[in-house]
Amino acid sequence: MKRVVIEELTTGMILAKPVTNNAGLVVLPVGAELDEATLSRLQRLGLTSVYVEGESGDASGKTLDELEAELDHRFRLVAQDPIQCQLREAIRLHLRTTHGISDHPEATPSA
């Protein structure tokens, strides 16, 4: 199960937890498959995220290049802010590390 923000939900995803309204009533049950109508409904409810089936570390089959492009897109409006740039690069390093790519070559021992 993984938590996904509303803006990143896509059709075909399956709910792993029920979605409830402010009164606690279930509006979408576990196992519901998301389609355009349910995506619109979730947005109207004002929810920020829901739980769907899948692994939390799963990046929906995206390649490292796709993830880095998405990262750059998300930080595009704050590209001039040095703190935000540091955050972006820390996330980029994490992405590369989790994909088996090291930006920092290991130091060779000196004799």
N, C-alpha and C. Protein backbone atom coordinates (compact mmCIF):
# COMPACT_ATOMS: atom_id res chain seq x y z
N MET A 1 0.85 -1.16 0.00
CA MET A 1 0.00 0.00 0.00
C MET A 1 0.90 1.23 0.00
N LYS A 2 0.48 2.23 -0.75
CA LYS A 2 1.24 3.48 -0.79
C LYS A 2 0.28 4.66 -0.78
N ARG A 3 0.73 5.75 -0.19
CA ARG A 3 -0.06 6.97 -0.14
C ARG A 3 0.30 7.80 -1.37
N VAL A 4 -0.73 8.27 -2.07
CA VAL A 4 -0.52 9.04 -3.28
C VAL A 4 -1.32 10.34 -3.17
N VAL A 5 -0.67 11.46 -3.48
CA VAL A 5 -1.38 12.75 -3.46
C VAL A 5 -2.39 12.77 -4.61
N ILE A 6 -3.47 13.48 -4.39
CA ILE A 6 -4.59 13.50 -5.33
C ILE A 6 -4.14 13.87 -6.74
N GLU A 7 -3.23 14.82 -6.86
CA GLU A 7 -2.79 15.28 -8.19
C GLU A 7 -2.05 14.20 -8.97
N GLU A 8 -1.54 13.17 -8.28
CA GLU A 8 -0.76 12.14 -8.96
C GLU A 8 -1.54 10.84 -9.17
N LEU A 9 -2.81 10.83 -8.77
CA LEU A 9 -3.63 9.64 -9.00
C LEU A 9 -3.92 9.49 -10.48
N THR A 10 -3.99 8.24 -10.92
CA THR A 10 -4.31 7.97 -12.31
C THR A 10 -5.42 6.93 -12.39
N THR A 11 -6.10 6.91 -13.50
CA THR A 11 -7.14 5.91 -13.69
C THR A 11 -6.53 4.52 -13.64
N GLY A 12 -7.28 3.59 -13.09
CA GLY A 12 -6.82 2.22 -12.99
C GLY A 12 -6.21 1.87 -11.64
N MET A 13 -5.85 2.88 -10.84
CA MET A 13 -5.32 2.58 -9.51
C MET A 13 -6.45 2.00 -8.66
N ILE A 14 -6.06 1.16 -7.68
CA ILE A 14 -7.03 0.49 -6.81
C ILE A 14 -6.85 0.99 -5.38
N LEU A 15 -7.96 1.40 -4.74
CA LEU A 15 -7.87 1.88 -3.37
C LEU A 15 -7.49 0.76 -2.40
N ALA A 16 -6.57 1.05 -1.51
CA ALA A 16 -6.14 0.08 -0.50
C ALA A 16 -6.80 0.36 0.85
N LYS A 17 -7.34 1.56 1.01
CA LYS A 17 -8.08 1.94 2.21
C LYS A 17 -9.34 2.66 1.76
N PRO A 18 -10.40 2.55 2.53
CA PRO A 18 -11.62 3.26 2.13
C PRO A 18 -11.43 4.77 2.23
N VAL A 19 -12.18 5.48 1.40
CA VAL A 19 -12.18 6.95 1.44
C VAL A 19 -13.46 7.36 2.14
N THR A 20 -13.30 8.21 3.16
CA THR A 20 -14.48 8.66 3.92
C THR A 20 -14.64 10.17 3.77
N ASN A 21 -15.87 10.62 4.01
CA ASN A 21 -16.14 12.06 3.99
C ASN A 21 -15.92 12.63 5.38
N ASN A 22 -16.23 13.91 5.57
CA ASN A 22 -16.01 14.57 6.86
C ASN A 22 -16.83 13.95 7.98
N ALA A 23 -17.95 13.33 7.65
CA ALA A 23 -18.80 12.69 8.66
C ALA A 23 -18.35 11.26 8.96
N GLY A 24 -17.32 10.79 8.26
CA GLY A 24 -16.82 9.45 8.50
C GLY A 24 -17.52 8.37 7.69
N LEU A 25 -18.39 8.76 6.79
CA LEU A 25 -19.09 7.80 5.95
C LEU A 25 -18.22 7.41 4.76
N VAL A 26 -18.22 6.13 4.44
CA VAL A 26 -17.41 5.64 3.32
C VAL A 26 -18.04 6.11 2.01
N VAL A 27 -17.24 6.81 1.20
CA VAL A 27 -17.71 7.26 -0.10
C VAL A 27 -17.11 6.42 -1.22
N LEU A 28 -15.95 5.80 -0.96
CA LEU A 28 -15.35 4.86 -1.90
C LEU A 28 -14.74 3.72 -1.08
N PRO A 29 -15.12 2.47 -1.38
CA PRO A 29 -14.65 1.34 -0.58
C PRO A 29 -13.26 0.86 -0.99
N VAL A 30 -12.67 0.03 -0.13
CA VAL A 30 -11.43 -0.65 -0.47
C VAL A 30 -11.67 -1.46 -1.73
N GLY A 31 -10.71 -1.45 -2.65
CA GLY A 31 -10.83 -2.22 -3.88
C GLY A 31 -11.46 -1.46 -5.03
N ALA A 32 -11.92 -0.24 -4.77
CA ALA A 32 -12.53 0.55 -5.85
C ALA A 32 -11.44 0.93 -6.85
N GLU A 33 -11.75 0.76 -8.13
CA GLU A 33 -10.81 1.16 -9.18
C GLU A 33 -11.10 2.60 -9.57
N LEU A 34 -10.05 3.40 -9.61
CA LEU A 34 -10.23 4.81 -9.93
C LEU A 34 -10.44 5.01 -11.42
N ASP A 35 -11.43 5.84 -11.73
CA ASP A 35 -11.68 6.25 -13.10
C ASP A 35 -11.82 7.77 -13.09
N GLU A 36 -12.10 8.36 -14.22
CA GLU A 36 -12.18 9.83 -14.29
C GLU A 36 -13.22 10.38 -13.32
N ALA A 37 -14.36 9.72 -13.20
CA ALA A 37 -15.43 10.20 -12.31
C ALA A 37 -14.99 10.16 -10.85
N THR A 38 -14.33 9.06 -10.44
CA THR A 38 -13.90 8.98 -9.04
C THR A 38 -12.76 9.94 -8.76
N LEU A 39 -11.89 10.18 -9.74
CA LEU A 39 -10.82 11.16 -9.55
C LEU A 39 -11.41 12.55 -9.32
N SER A 40 -12.42 12.91 -10.09
CA SER A 40 -13.09 14.21 -9.91
C SER A 40 -13.77 14.28 -8.54
N ARG A 41 -14.37 13.18 -8.14
CA ARG A 41 -15.06 13.13 -6.85
C ARG A 41 -14.07 13.32 -5.70
N LEU A 42 -12.92 12.70 -5.80
CA LEU A 42 -11.90 12.84 -4.76
C LEU A 42 -11.42 14.28 -4.67
N GLN A 43 -11.26 14.93 -5.80
CA GLN A 43 -10.83 16.33 -5.79
C GLN A 43 -11.90 17.22 -5.15
N ARG A 44 -13.17 16.95 -5.46
CA ARG A 44 -14.26 17.74 -4.88
C ARG A 44 -14.35 17.55 -3.36
N LEU A 45 -13.95 16.38 -2.87
CA LEU A 45 -13.98 16.14 -1.43
C LEU A 45 -12.89 16.93 -0.69
N GLY A 46 -11.94 17.46 -1.43
CA GLY A 46 -10.89 18.26 -0.82
C GLY A 46 -9.81 17.44 -0.13
N LEU A 47 -9.70 16.17 -0.50
CA LEU A 47 -8.68 15.31 0.08
C LEU A 47 -7.31 15.66 -0.47
N THR A 48 -6.28 15.42 0.33
CA THR A 48 -4.92 15.69 -0.14
C THR A 48 -4.27 14.42 -0.67
N SER A 49 -4.66 13.24 -0.14
CA SER A 49 -4.07 11.98 -0.58
C SER A 49 -4.98 10.81 -0.21
N VAL A 50 -4.73 9.68 -0.86
CA VAL A 50 -5.43 8.43 -0.54
C VAL A 50 -4.42 7.30 -0.61
N TYR A 51 -4.81 6.14 -0.10
CA TYR A 51 -3.94 4.96 -0.14
C TYR A 51 -4.39 4.05 -1.27
N VAL A 52 -3.44 3.65 -2.09
CA VAL A 52 -3.72 2.74 -3.20
C VAL A 52 -2.83 1.52 -3.10
N GLU A 53 -3.19 0.49 -3.83
CA GLU A 53 -2.39 -0.73 -3.83
C GLU A 53 -1.05 -0.47 -4.49
N GLY A 54 -0.02 -1.16 -4.01
CA GLY A 54 1.32 -1.02 -4.55
C GLY A 54 2.31 -0.82 -3.42
N GLU A 55 3.57 -0.92 -3.76
CA GLU A 55 4.64 -0.76 -2.77
C GLU A 55 4.94 0.72 -2.56
N SER A 56 5.23 1.10 -1.33
CA SER A 56 5.50 2.51 -1.03
C SER A 56 6.73 3.02 -1.76
N GLY A 57 7.70 2.17 -2.01
CA GLY A 57 8.90 2.60 -2.72
C GLY A 57 8.74 2.54 -4.22
N ASP A 58 7.62 2.03 -4.69
CA ASP A 58 7.37 1.88 -6.12
C ASP A 58 7.19 3.24 -6.76
N ALA A 59 7.92 3.47 -7.80
CA ALA A 59 7.81 4.74 -8.52
C ALA A 59 7.02 4.55 -9.80
N SER A 60 6.08 3.59 -9.77
CA SER A 60 5.20 3.31 -10.90
C SER A 60 5.97 2.97 -12.17
N GLY A 61 7.11 2.32 -12.00
CA GLY A 61 7.88 1.86 -13.15
C GLY A 61 8.64 2.95 -13.87
N LYS A 62 8.79 4.11 -13.25
CA LYS A 62 9.49 5.22 -13.90
C LYS A 62 10.99 4.99 -13.87
N THR A 63 11.64 5.43 -14.92
CA THR A 63 13.10 5.34 -14.98
C THR A 63 13.71 6.46 -14.16
N LEU A 64 15.00 6.35 -13.88
CA LEU A 64 15.69 7.40 -13.15
C LEU A 64 15.61 8.72 -13.90
N ASP A 65 15.76 8.69 -15.22
CA ASP A 65 15.67 9.92 -16.02
C ASP A 65 14.28 10.56 -15.87
N GLU A 66 13.23 9.73 -15.89
CA GLU A 66 11.87 10.26 -15.73
C GLU A 66 11.68 10.86 -14.35
N LEU A 67 12.20 10.18 -13.31
CA LEU A 67 12.08 10.70 -11.95
C LEU A 67 12.83 12.02 -11.79
N GLU A 68 14.02 12.11 -12.38
CA GLU A 68 14.78 13.35 -12.29
C GLU A 68 14.10 14.48 -13.05
N ALA A 69 13.51 14.16 -14.19
CA ALA A 69 12.77 15.18 -14.95
C ALA A 69 11.57 15.67 -14.13
N GLU A 70 10.89 14.74 -13.47
CA GLU A 70 9.76 15.11 -12.63
C GLU A 70 10.22 15.98 -11.46
N LEU A 71 11.35 15.63 -10.87
CA LEU A 71 11.92 16.42 -9.77
C LEU A 71 12.21 17.84 -10.23
N ASP A 72 12.87 17.99 -11.38
CA ASP A 72 13.17 19.32 -11.91
C ASP A 72 11.89 20.10 -12.18
N HIS A 73 10.88 19.43 -12.68
CA HIS A 73 9.60 20.09 -12.96
C HIS A 73 8.96 20.60 -11.66
N ARG A 74 9.01 19.78 -10.62
CA ARG A 74 8.41 20.18 -9.35
C ARG A 74 9.12 21.37 -8.71
N PHE A 75 10.40 21.51 -8.95
CA PHE A 75 11.18 22.59 -8.33
C PHE A 75 11.38 23.77 -9.28
N ARG A 76 10.75 23.76 -10.44
CA ARG A 76 10.99 24.79 -11.45
C ARG A 76 10.65 26.20 -10.98
N LEU A 77 9.66 26.35 -10.13
CA LEU A 77 9.24 27.69 -9.70
C LEU A 77 10.13 28.26 -8.60
N VAL A 78 10.98 27.44 -8.03
CA VAL A 78 11.86 27.91 -6.96
C VAL A 78 13.33 27.70 -7.32
N ALA A 79 13.61 27.65 -8.60
CA ALA A 79 14.97 27.36 -9.08
C ALA A 79 15.98 28.41 -8.65
N GLN A 80 15.54 29.60 -8.31
CA GLN A 80 16.47 30.67 -7.92
C GLN A 80 16.72 30.69 -6.41
N ASP A 81 16.01 29.88 -5.67
CA ASP A 81 16.16 29.84 -4.21
C ASP A 81 17.24 28.84 -3.84
N PRO A 82 18.34 29.28 -3.22
CA PRO A 82 19.45 28.37 -2.92
C PRO A 82 19.06 27.23 -1.97
N ILE A 83 18.20 27.50 -1.02
CA ILE A 83 17.77 26.44 -0.09
C ILE A 83 16.97 25.39 -0.83
N GLN A 84 16.06 25.82 -1.69
CA GLN A 84 15.25 24.88 -2.47
C GLN A 84 16.14 24.07 -3.42
N CYS A 85 17.17 24.69 -3.95
CA CYS A 85 18.11 23.97 -4.82
C CYS A 85 18.85 22.89 -4.04
N GLN A 86 19.22 23.19 -2.80
CA GLN A 86 19.87 22.18 -1.96
C GLN A 86 18.92 21.02 -1.70
N LEU A 87 17.67 21.33 -1.42
CA LEU A 87 16.67 20.27 -1.21
C LEU A 87 16.52 19.41 -2.45
N ARG A 88 16.41 20.06 -3.61
CA ARG A 88 16.26 19.33 -4.87
C ARG A 88 17.45 18.39 -5.09
N GLU A 89 18.66 18.89 -4.84
CA GLU A 89 19.84 18.06 -5.06
C GLU A 89 19.94 16.93 -4.04
N ALA A 90 19.47 17.15 -2.81
CA ALA A 90 19.46 16.06 -1.82
C ALA A 90 18.49 14.97 -2.26
N ILE A 91 17.35 15.37 -2.80
CA ILE A 91 16.38 14.39 -3.31
C ILE A 91 16.96 13.67 -4.53
N ARG A 92 17.63 14.41 -5.40
CA ARG A 92 18.25 13.79 -6.57
C ARG A 92 19.29 12.73 -6.14
N LEU A 93 20.10 13.07 -5.13
CA LEU A 93 21.08 12.12 -4.62
C LEU A 93 20.40 10.88 -4.08
N HIS A 94 19.30 11.08 -3.36
CA HIS A 94 18.54 9.93 -2.84
C HIS A 94 18.01 9.06 -3.98
N LEU A 95 17.46 9.69 -5.00
CA LEU A 95 16.95 8.93 -6.15
C LEU A 95 18.06 8.12 -6.80
N ARG A 96 19.20 8.76 -7.00
CA ARG A 96 20.33 8.07 -7.64
C ARG A 96 20.84 6.92 -6.76
N THR A 97 20.89 7.15 -5.46
CA THR A 97 21.35 6.11 -4.54
C THR A 97 20.40 4.92 -4.55
N THR A 98 19.10 5.18 -4.54
CA THR A 98 18.13 4.09 -4.53
C THR A 98 18.09 3.36 -5.87
N HIS A 99 18.63 3.98 -6.90
CA HIS A 99 18.69 3.33 -8.22
C HIS A 99 20.09 2.77 -8.49
N GLY A 100 20.93 2.72 -7.45
CA GLY A 100 22.24 2.09 -7.58
C GLY A 100 23.30 2.93 -8.26
N ILE A 101 23.10 4.25 -8.32
CA ILE A 101 24.08 5.14 -8.94
C ILE A 101 24.67 6.01 -7.86
N SER A 102 25.97 6.02 -7.75
CA SER A 102 26.63 6.83 -6.73
C SER A 102 27.27 8.04 -7.39
N ASP A 103 26.91 9.22 -6.90
CA ASP A 103 27.53 10.47 -7.39
C ASP A 103 28.87 10.73 -6.76
N HIS A 104 29.13 10.05 -5.65
CA HIS A 104 30.37 10.28 -4.93
C HIS A 104 31.25 9.05 -5.03
N PRO A 105 32.29 9.10 -5.88
CA PRO A 105 33.17 7.95 -5.98
C PRO A 105 33.86 7.71 -4.64
N GLU A 106 34.05 6.45 -4.33
CA GLU A 106 34.68 6.12 -3.06
C GLU A 106 36.12 6.59 -3.07
N ALA A 107 36.52 7.12 -1.96
CA ALA A 107 37.91 7.61 -1.85
C ALA A 107 38.86 6.44 -1.87
N THR A 108 39.92 6.62 -2.61
CA THR A 108 40.93 5.56 -2.66
C THR A 108 41.89 5.75 -1.50
N PRO A 109 42.21 4.67 -0.81
CA PRO A 109 43.11 4.81 0.34
C PRO A 109 44.49 5.28 -0.11
N SER A 110 45.05 6.19 0.67
CA SER A 110 46.40 6.67 0.34
C SER A 110 47.44 5.80 1.04
N ALA A 111 48.60 5.66 0.41
CA ALA A 111 49.64 4.78 0.95
C ALA A 111 50.49 5.47 1.98
